[in-house]
Protein backbone atom coordinates (compact mmCIF):
# COMPACT_ATOMS: atom_id res chain seq x y z
CA MET A 1 0.00 0.00 0.00
CA THR A 2 2.82 2.37 0.83
CA ASP A 3 4.58 1.62 -2.45
CA THR A 4 1.40 2.30 -4.43
CA VAL A 5 0.85 5.64 -2.68
CA ALA A 6 4.50 6.57 -3.26
CA LYS A 7 4.16 5.87 -6.99
CA ARG A 8 1.05 8.01 -7.19
CA ARG A 9 2.85 10.86 -5.44
CA ARG A 10 5.92 10.66 -7.67
CA ILE A 11 3.94 11.40 -10.84
CA PRO A 12 2.56 14.84 -9.82
CA ILE A 13 5.88 15.74 -8.16
CA PHE A 14 7.72 14.90 -11.37
CA LEU A 15 5.25 16.95 -13.46
CA VAL A 16 5.61 19.97 -11.16
CA LYS A 17 9.39 19.65 -11.27
CA MET A 18 9.34 19.43 -15.07
CA LEU A 19 7.17 22.56 -15.25
CA VAL A 20 9.67 24.43 -13.06
CA VAL A 21 12.50 23.30 -15.34
CA LEU A 22 10.68 24.44 -18.47
CA ILE A 23 9.94 27.94 -17.12
CA PHE A 24 13.32 28.37 -15.38
CA PRO A 25 15.03 31.52 -16.73
CA LEU A 26 17.74 30.95 -19.30
CA GLN A 27 18.12 34.62 -20.17
CA MET A 28 16.78 37.62 -18.28
CA VAL A 29 17.33 41.26 -19.14
CA ILE A 30 16.21 44.11 -16.86
CA ALA A 31 16.86 47.55 -18.33
CA PRO A 32 14.07 49.86 -17.14
CA PRO A 33 11.54 50.20 -18.62
CA ASN A 34 12.41 47.04 -20.65
CA PHE A 35 12.14 43.51 -19.30
CA ARG A 36 12.56 40.10 -20.92
CA TRP A 37 12.43 36.57 -19.47
CA THR A 38 13.29 33.64 -21.76
CA SER A 39 12.87 29.99 -20.84
CA LEU A 40 12.46 26.73 -22.73
CA LEU A 41 8.69 27.06 -22.66
CA LEU A 42 7.77 30.74 -22.35
CA VAL A 43 8.96 34.21 -23.26
CA VAL A 44 7.80 37.07 -21.03
CA GLN A 45 8.52 40.68 -21.94
CA ASN A 46 7.06 44.06 -21.16
CA ASN A 47 3.87 45.28 -22.84
CA GLN A 48 3.16 41.81 -24.24
CA PHE A 49 1.37 38.70 -23.12
CA PRO A 50 3.61 35.67 -22.42
CA PHE A 51 3.93 33.44 -25.47
CA PHE A 52 5.26 29.96 -26.09
CA THR A 53 8.66 29.59 -27.71
CA SER A 54 8.05 26.81 -30.22
CA ILE A 55 7.32 23.11 -30.40
CA PRO A 56 10.75 22.27 -31.96
CA ALA A 57 12.52 24.08 -29.12
CA LEU A 58 10.48 22.21 -26.51
CA LEU A 59 11.13 18.84 -28.16
CA ILE A 60 14.86 19.51 -28.46
CA GLY A 61 15.03 20.49 -24.78
CA LEU A 62 13.26 17.30 -23.67
CA ILE A 63 15.45 15.10 -25.88
CA VAL A 64 18.64 16.71 -24.56
CA MET A 65 17.51 16.29 -20.93
CA LEU A 66 16.37 12.68 -21.42
CA PRO A 67 19.63 11.01 -20.19
CA CYS A 68 19.53 13.08 -17.00
CA ILE A 69 15.86 12.20 -16.39
CA PHE A 70 16.67 8.51 -16.86
CA PHE A 71 19.55 8.85 -14.39
CA GLU A 72 17.22 10.29 -11.74
CA ARG A 73 14.83 7.34 -12.10
CA LEU A 74 17.76 4.92 -11.85
CA LEU A 75 19.16 6.70 -8.81
CA TYR A 76 15.89 6.60 -6.86
CA SER A 77 15.24 2.93 -7.59
CA SER A 78 18.74 1.65 -6.77
CA SER A 79 20.35 1.10 -3.38
CA ILE A 80 21.05 4.29 -1.45
CA SER A 81 24.68 3.29 -0.85
CA ARG A 82 25.41 2.35 -4.47
CA THR A 83 28.33 4.16 -6.12
CA VAL A 84 27.03 6.08 -9.13
CA ARG A 85 30.09 7.98 -10.37
CA LYS A 86 30.10 6.24 -13.74
CA GLN A 87 26.37 6.80 -14.17
CA VAL A 88 26.76 10.51 -13.33
CA ALA A 89 29.52 10.93 -15.89
CA ALA A 90 27.53 8.98 -18.49
CA ALA A 91 24.37 11.07 -17.97
CA CYS A 92 26.21 14.40 -18.18
CA ALA A 93 28.28 13.33 -21.20
CA SER A 94 25.23 11.93 -22.99
CA SER A 95 23.20 15.10 -22.50
CA CYS A 96 26.03 17.33 -23.74
CA GLY A 97 26.78 14.89 -26.56
CA ILE A 98 23.20 14.98 -27.82
CA ALA A 99 23.25 18.79 -27.75
CA LEU A 100 26.57 18.86 -29.61
CA ALA A 101 25.27 16.42 -32.23
CA ILE A 102 22.22 18.63 -32.81
CA GLN A 103 24.51 21.63 -33.20
CA LEU A 104 26.79 19.86 -35.68
CA THR A 105 23.96 18.46 -37.79
CA ARG A 106 22.40 21.96 -38.01
CA LEU A 107 18.99 20.71 -36.90
CA VAL A 108 18.46 23.96 -35.02
CA ASN A 109 19.11 26.03 -38.16
CA PRO A 110 17.77 24.06 -41.15
CA PRO A 111 17.03 25.55 -44.57
CA PRO A 112 14.11 28.01 -44.65
CA ASN A 113 11.76 25.72 -46.60
CA ILE A 114 11.71 23.26 -43.66
CA LEU A 115 10.72 26.00 -41.23
CA LEU A 116 7.39 26.84 -42.90
CA LEU A 117 5.44 25.52 -39.93
CA ALA A 118 7.94 26.46 -37.21
CA PHE A 119 7.13 30.20 -37.17
CA ASN A 120 10.74 31.38 -36.84
CA SER A 121 11.59 28.85 -34.14
CA ALA A 122 15.32 28.66 -34.96
CA PRO A 123 16.48 31.13 -32.24
CA TYR A 124 14.53 29.31 -29.52
CA ALA A 125 15.73 25.90 -30.75
CA GLN A 126 19.28 27.23 -30.66
CA ALA A 127 18.79 28.37 -27.05
CA ALA A 128 17.28 25.00 -26.13
CA THR A 129 20.30 23.20 -27.55
CA LEU A 130 22.79 25.37 -25.69
CA TYR A 131 21.10 25.54 -22.29
CA ALA A 132 19.02 22.35 -21.91
CA PRO A 133 22.04 20.28 -20.73
CA ILE A 134 22.55 22.78 -17.90
CA LEU A 135 18.93 22.38 -16.76
CA GLY A 136 19.07 18.59 -17.00
CA ILE A 137 22.33 18.28 -15.07
CA SER A 138 21.29 20.71 -12.33
CA PHE A 139 17.73 19.47 -11.70
CA PHE A 140 17.96 15.76 -12.55
CA VAL A 141 21.56 14.91 -11.59
CA VAL A 142 23.00 17.24 -8.94
CA LEU A 143 19.80 17.87 -6.95
CA PRO A 144 18.89 14.15 -6.58
CA LEU A 145 22.46 13.36 -5.56
CA ILE A 146 22.41 15.99 -2.79
CA LEU A 147 19.01 14.81 -1.54
CA ARG A 148 20.20 11.20 -1.52
CA GLN A 149 23.35 12.08 0.42
CA SER A 150 21.25 13.96 2.95
CA ALA A 151 18.95 10.95 3.40
CA LEU A 152 21.98 8.68 3.81
CA SER A 153 22.67 10.29 7.19
CA PHE A 154 19.42 8.80 8.54
CA VAL A 155 20.18 5.19 7.65
CA SER A 156 22.45 2.82 9.50
CA VAL A 157 25.10 0.80 7.71
CA ASP A 158 23.14 -2.46 7.87
CA HIS A 159 20.13 -0.98 6.05
CA ARG A 160 21.80 0.95 3.26
CA GLN A 161 20.87 -1.66 0.70
CA LEU A 162 17.39 -0.12 0.60
CA GLY A 163 16.43 2.22 -2.22
CA TYR A 164 16.03 5.96 -1.80
CA GLN A 165 12.32 5.81 -2.71
CA VAL A 166 11.58 3.34 0.09
CA ILE A 167 13.54 5.34 2.66
CA ASN A 168 11.98 8.61 1.54
CA SER A 169 8.44 7.23 1.80
CA LEU A 170 9.00 5.70 5.24
CA LEU A 171 10.91 8.64 6.72
CA GLN A 172 8.93 11.35 4.98
CA LYS A 173 7.98 13.30 8.12
CA ARG A 174 11.48 13.24 9.58
CA PHE A 175 13.09 14.21 6.29
CA LYS A 176 11.15 17.42 5.49
CA ARG A 177 13.59 19.85 7.09
CA GLU A 178 16.58 18.18 5.48
CA LYS A 179 14.92 18.36 2.06
CA VAL A 180 14.44 22.12 2.39
CA LEU A 181 17.99 22.67 3.65
CA SER A 182 19.48 20.44 0.96
CA THR A 183 17.52 22.20 -1.79
CA LEU A 184 18.73 25.61 -0.58
CA PHE A 185 22.27 24.23 -0.42
CA TRP A 186 21.93 22.95 -4.01
CA PHE A 187 20.71 26.36 -5.18
CA CYS A 188 23.67 28.09 -3.53
CA LEU A 189 26.07 25.60 -5.11
CA LEU A 190 24.92 25.99 -8.71
CA PHE A 191 23.20 29.34 -9.09
CA CYS A 192 24.61 31.71 -6.46
CA PRO A 193 27.81 33.53 -7.49
CA PHE A 194 31.13 32.31 -6.13
CA LEU A 195 33.01 35.45 -7.21
CA LEU A 196 32.28 39.09 -8.02
CA GLY A 197 34.20 41.34 -10.38
CA LEU A 198 34.08 45.12 -10.24
CA ASP A 199 35.34 46.98 -13.30
CA THR A 200 34.81 50.71 -13.09
CA THR A 201 36.13 54.04 -14.39
CA TRP A 202 35.05 57.65 -13.95
CA TRP A 203 32.28 57.26 -16.54
CA THR A 204 31.35 53.56 -16.46
CA PHE A 205 30.42 51.02 -13.81
CA ARG A 206 30.24 47.27 -14.36
CA LEU A 207 29.60 44.57 -11.80
CA SER A 208 29.89 40.95 -12.91
CA SER A 209 29.29 37.71 -11.05
CA LEU A 210 30.01 34.12 -11.98
CA SER A 211 28.33 30.97 -10.75
CA VAL A 212 28.49 27.41 -12.01
CA PHE A 213 25.41 27.84 -14.22
CA TYR A 214 24.89 31.63 -14.46
CA ILE A 215 26.71 34.79 -15.56
CA MET A 216 25.36 38.12 -14.32
CA ASN A 217 26.36 41.56 -15.57
CA TYR A 218 25.20 44.92 -14.28
CA SER A 219 26.29 47.89 -16.37
CA ALA A 220 25.83 51.62 -15.95
CA TYR A 221 27.18 54.24 -18.32
CA SER A 222 26.29 57.48 -16.55
CA LEU A 223 26.96 59.06 -13.18
CA LEU A 224 23.22 59.03 -12.42
CA ALA A 225 23.05 55.27 -13.02
CA GLN A 226 25.94 54.71 -10.62
CA VAL A 227 24.05 56.57 -7.90
CA ILE A 228 20.64 55.05 -8.69
CA PRO A 229 21.02 51.30 -9.51
CA ALA A 230 17.62 51.19 -11.21
CA MET A 231 19.04 53.37 -14.00
CA GLY A 232 21.46 50.63 -15.11
CA SER A 233 20.86 47.38 -16.99
CA LEU A 234 21.01 43.88 -15.51
CA THR A 235 21.63 40.85 -17.72
CA LEU A 236 21.42 37.27 -16.48
CA ILE A 237 22.52 34.53 -18.88
CA SER A 238 22.75 30.81 -18.26
CA THR A 239 26.05 29.10 -18.94
CA ASP A 240 25.94 27.07 -22.15
CA PHE A 241 27.15 23.49 -22.23
CA ILE A 242 30.29 24.51 -24.15
CA SER A 243 31.45 26.78 -21.29
CA LEU A 244 30.33 24.33 -18.59
CA PRO A 245 33.73 22.55 -18.27
CA ILE A 246 35.40 25.88 -17.46
CA THR A 247 33.00 26.87 -14.69
CA ALA A 248 32.93 23.30 -13.37
CA LEU A 249 36.74 23.23 -13.23
CA LEU A 250 36.81 26.52 -11.32
CA SER A 251 34.28 25.05 -8.85
CA SER A 252 35.93 21.64 -8.53
CA VAL A 253 37.11 22.25 -4.96
CA ARG A 254 33.63 23.49 -4.04
CA PHE A 255 32.18 20.16 -5.17
CA VAL A 256 34.76 18.43 -2.97
CA PHE A 257 33.51 20.62 -0.11
CA VAL A 258 29.97 19.33 -0.72
CA ARG A 259 31.19 15.74 -0.49
CA ASP A 260 33.21 16.45 2.66
CA LEU A 261 30.23 18.18 4.25
CA PHE A 262 28.10 15.05 4.05
CA ARG A 263 31.04 12.89 5.13
CA TYR A 264 31.39 15.11 8.19
CA GLN A 265 27.72 14.55 9.01
CA GLN A 266 28.39 10.82 8.92
CA HIS A 267 31.41 11.31 11.27
CA ILE A 268 33.90 10.10 8.65
CA ILE A 269 36.12 13.22 8.65
CA ASN A 270 36.72 15.97 11.20
CA ARG A 271 35.60 19.60 11.24
CA SER A 272 38.99 21.09 10.29
CA ARG A 273 39.02 19.12 7.00
CA VAL A 274 35.59 20.51 6.05
CA ALA A 275 36.53 24.08 7.00
CA SER A 276 39.80 24.01 5.05
CA THR A 277 38.13 22.59 1.93
CA GLY A 278 35.34 25.17 2.11
CA ILE A 279 37.72 28.14 2.50
CA LEU A 280 40.01 26.88 -0.27
CA GLY A 281 37.04 26.37 -2.59
CA GLU A 282 35.99 30.00 -2.16
CA ILE A 283 39.45 31.57 -2.49
CA LEU A 284 40.87 29.52 -5.37
CA PRO A 285 38.47 30.63 -8.19
CA SER A 286 38.91 34.34 -7.46
CA ALA A 287 42.70 33.88 -7.27
CA ILE A 288 42.79 32.19 -10.68
CA ILE A 289 40.59 34.86 -12.29
CA THR A 290 42.71 37.62 -10.71
CA LEU A 291 45.92 36.16 -12.17
CA LEU A 292 44.30 35.89 -15.60
CA ALA A 293 43.02 39.49 -15.38
CA LEU A 294 46.41 40.87 -14.36
CA SER A 295 48.04 39.18 -17.34
CA ARG A 296 46.14 41.39 -19.81
CA ASP A 297 46.51 45.12 -20.41
CA ILE A 298 44.30 47.30 -18.21
CA SER A 299 43.72 51.00 -18.60
CA PRO A 300 45.38 53.08 -15.83
CA ALA A 301 42.06 54.85 -15.23
CA ALA A 302 40.24 51.55 -14.60
CA ILE A 303 39.71 49.94 -11.23
CA LEU A 304 39.48 46.15 -11.25
CA LEU A 305 38.50 44.21 -8.15
CA ILE A 306 37.80 40.47 -7.96
CA PHE A 307 36.77 38.91 -4.67
CA PRO A 308 35.01 35.72 -3.54
CA THR A 309 31.48 35.47 -2.19
CA PRO A 310 31.37 32.71 0.46
CA ILE A 311 27.64 32.02 0.05
CA LEU A 312 28.16 28.26 -0.23
CA LEU A 313 30.31 28.22 2.89
CA PHE A 314 27.58 29.89 4.96
CA ALA A 315 24.97 27.59 3.43
CA GLY A 316 27.06 24.59 4.51
CA ILE A 317 27.31 25.93 8.06
CA ALA A 318 23.52 26.38 8.13
CA LEU A 319 23.03 22.83 6.82
CA ILE A 320 25.20 21.38 9.59
CA LYS A 321 23.65 23.50 12.32
CA PHE A 322 19.96 23.06 11.54
CA SER A 323 19.81 19.52 10.15
CA ARG A 324 18.83 16.67 12.44
CA THR A 325 21.15 13.87 11.43
CA THR A 326 20.17 11.08 13.82
CA PRO A 327 20.92 7.82 12.01
CA LEU A 328 18.94 4.70 12.72
CA LYS A 329 20.52 2.48 15.38
CA ASP A 330 20.92 -1.26 15.22
CA GLU A 331 20.56 -1.81 18.92
CA LEU A 332 17.92 -1.01 21.52
CA TRP A 333 18.24 2.04 23.70
CA PRO A 334 20.60 1.27 26.60
CA ASP A 335 18.22 2.77 29.17
CA TYR A 336 15.70 -0.01 28.67
CA GLU A 337 15.68 -3.74 28.97
CA SER A 338 16.96 -5.58 25.91
CA LYS A 339 13.68 -7.02 24.73
CA MET A 340 12.40 -7.68 21.22
CA TRP A 341 9.13 -6.05 20.16
CA TYR A 342 7.45 -9.43 19.60
CA ASP A 343 8.43 -10.73 23.03
CA GLN A 344 5.24 -10.81 25.20
CA ARG A 345 6.85 -11.86 28.48
CA GLN A 346 5.81 -9.75 31.46
CA LYS A 347 8.20 -8.23 33.93
CA PRO A 348 8.47 -9.98 37.31
CA HIS A 349 7.17 -6.91 39.14
CA ALA A 350 4.38 -5.31 37.17
CA THR A 351 2.68 -2.14 38.26
CA GLU A 352 -0.66 -2.19 40.01
CA SER A 353 -2.50 -0.83 36.97
CA GLY A 354 -0.97 -3.52 34.79
CA ASP A 355 0.20 -0.97 32.20
CA GLU A 356 3.60 -1.46 30.65
CA SER A 357 5.15 0.66 27.89
CA VAL A 358 7.57 -0.93 25.45
CA LYS A 359 9.94 1.21 23.38
CA VAL A 360 10.22 -0.03 19.78
CA PRO A 361 13.31 1.03 17.81
CA LEU A 362 12.69 2.71 14.49
CA THR A 363 14.87 0.13 12.75
CA TYR A 364 12.40 -2.70 13.48
CA LEU A 365 9.47 -0.60 12.29
CA LEU A 366 11.34 0.18 9.08
CA MET A 367 12.21 -3.44 8.35
CA SER A 368 8.66 -4.54 9.22
CA LYS A 369 7.20 -2.16 6.65
CA VAL A 370 9.70 -3.31 4.04
CA ARG A 371 8.74 -6.96 4.65
CA LYS A 372 5.06 -6.06 4.26
CA LEU A 373 5.76 -4.33 0.96
CA ARG A 374 7.70 -7.35 -0.35
CA HIS A 375 4.94 -9.71 0.83
CA LYS A 376 2.26 -7.73 -0.99
CA LYS A 377 4.30 -7.64 -4.19
CA THR A 378 4.66 -11.43 -4.15
């Protein structure tokens, strides 16, 4: 019964998640009074009703994200302790490979006579090819991995052969806070900037930020715009799959920090190892970009500043502080008599009312529900 209910819940959750992916901003331009929001599904701009991009763009986006969607289904159905490094690499490479094949075969820019029914869909299909791998990797690869690692802290070593779907359905109430914290941590990892760059002169002002999957630029070309930020223009562009290896390489130590953070929650490594990895992951990208910037010619009138933004480090501290990582125990609580839940023997000295409370470990309840599910399936 629990497995049937879980399957029914997964379908609407998957549809809602897919809708969020399709309307997630790929490009956003704010230059008052102009505004434009572009996603795989919709385009929203000022003084116009939102309109759909095109059917070819939507189909290309779904095809490119298909390996990542398949990986998420495989991850949730397999054992929670299974090593999935090869599957992660295969899903990411397949998604980027499909996008590259579409680019090389010029399917996104065919001859005009084939586009008679597409209504000028080539620009949106081009955007879908470039940015759909980023959406697939972030929502269907990285996010499920972080949620699975967070759930792993609740399971003892002897019961880690269970799948993530079973554990999530049985520990749903206890796992709500960790889901919210892990989702916020995922957002800070991929979409929040890990460095800021300030490039300014007497007549211009430009603030740039770089994250794993986003590039943000704020530009102002007048003294009034420098005083009033609303007078400038803000551009937010998703990283395309061609530039993804560069941003991923700059954030490589930050991904190691994510792994060490969950290993610290499982008491595998100490606190100093996590802190050193987190600090190094925030300093190293800005140091590399600073060295590259100093190697090129800069105008004497320009002021160039590059500094890290330790958003992920603070998010990791919040995850450790507010999460309740109490793994399931294999033994009974030491304060009570070692007695199995099915043992009906009475104590030698019962109370006058005859009432006796028996503490049942959560491990036995979990295994009992799993046995019931297997019995119903057979």
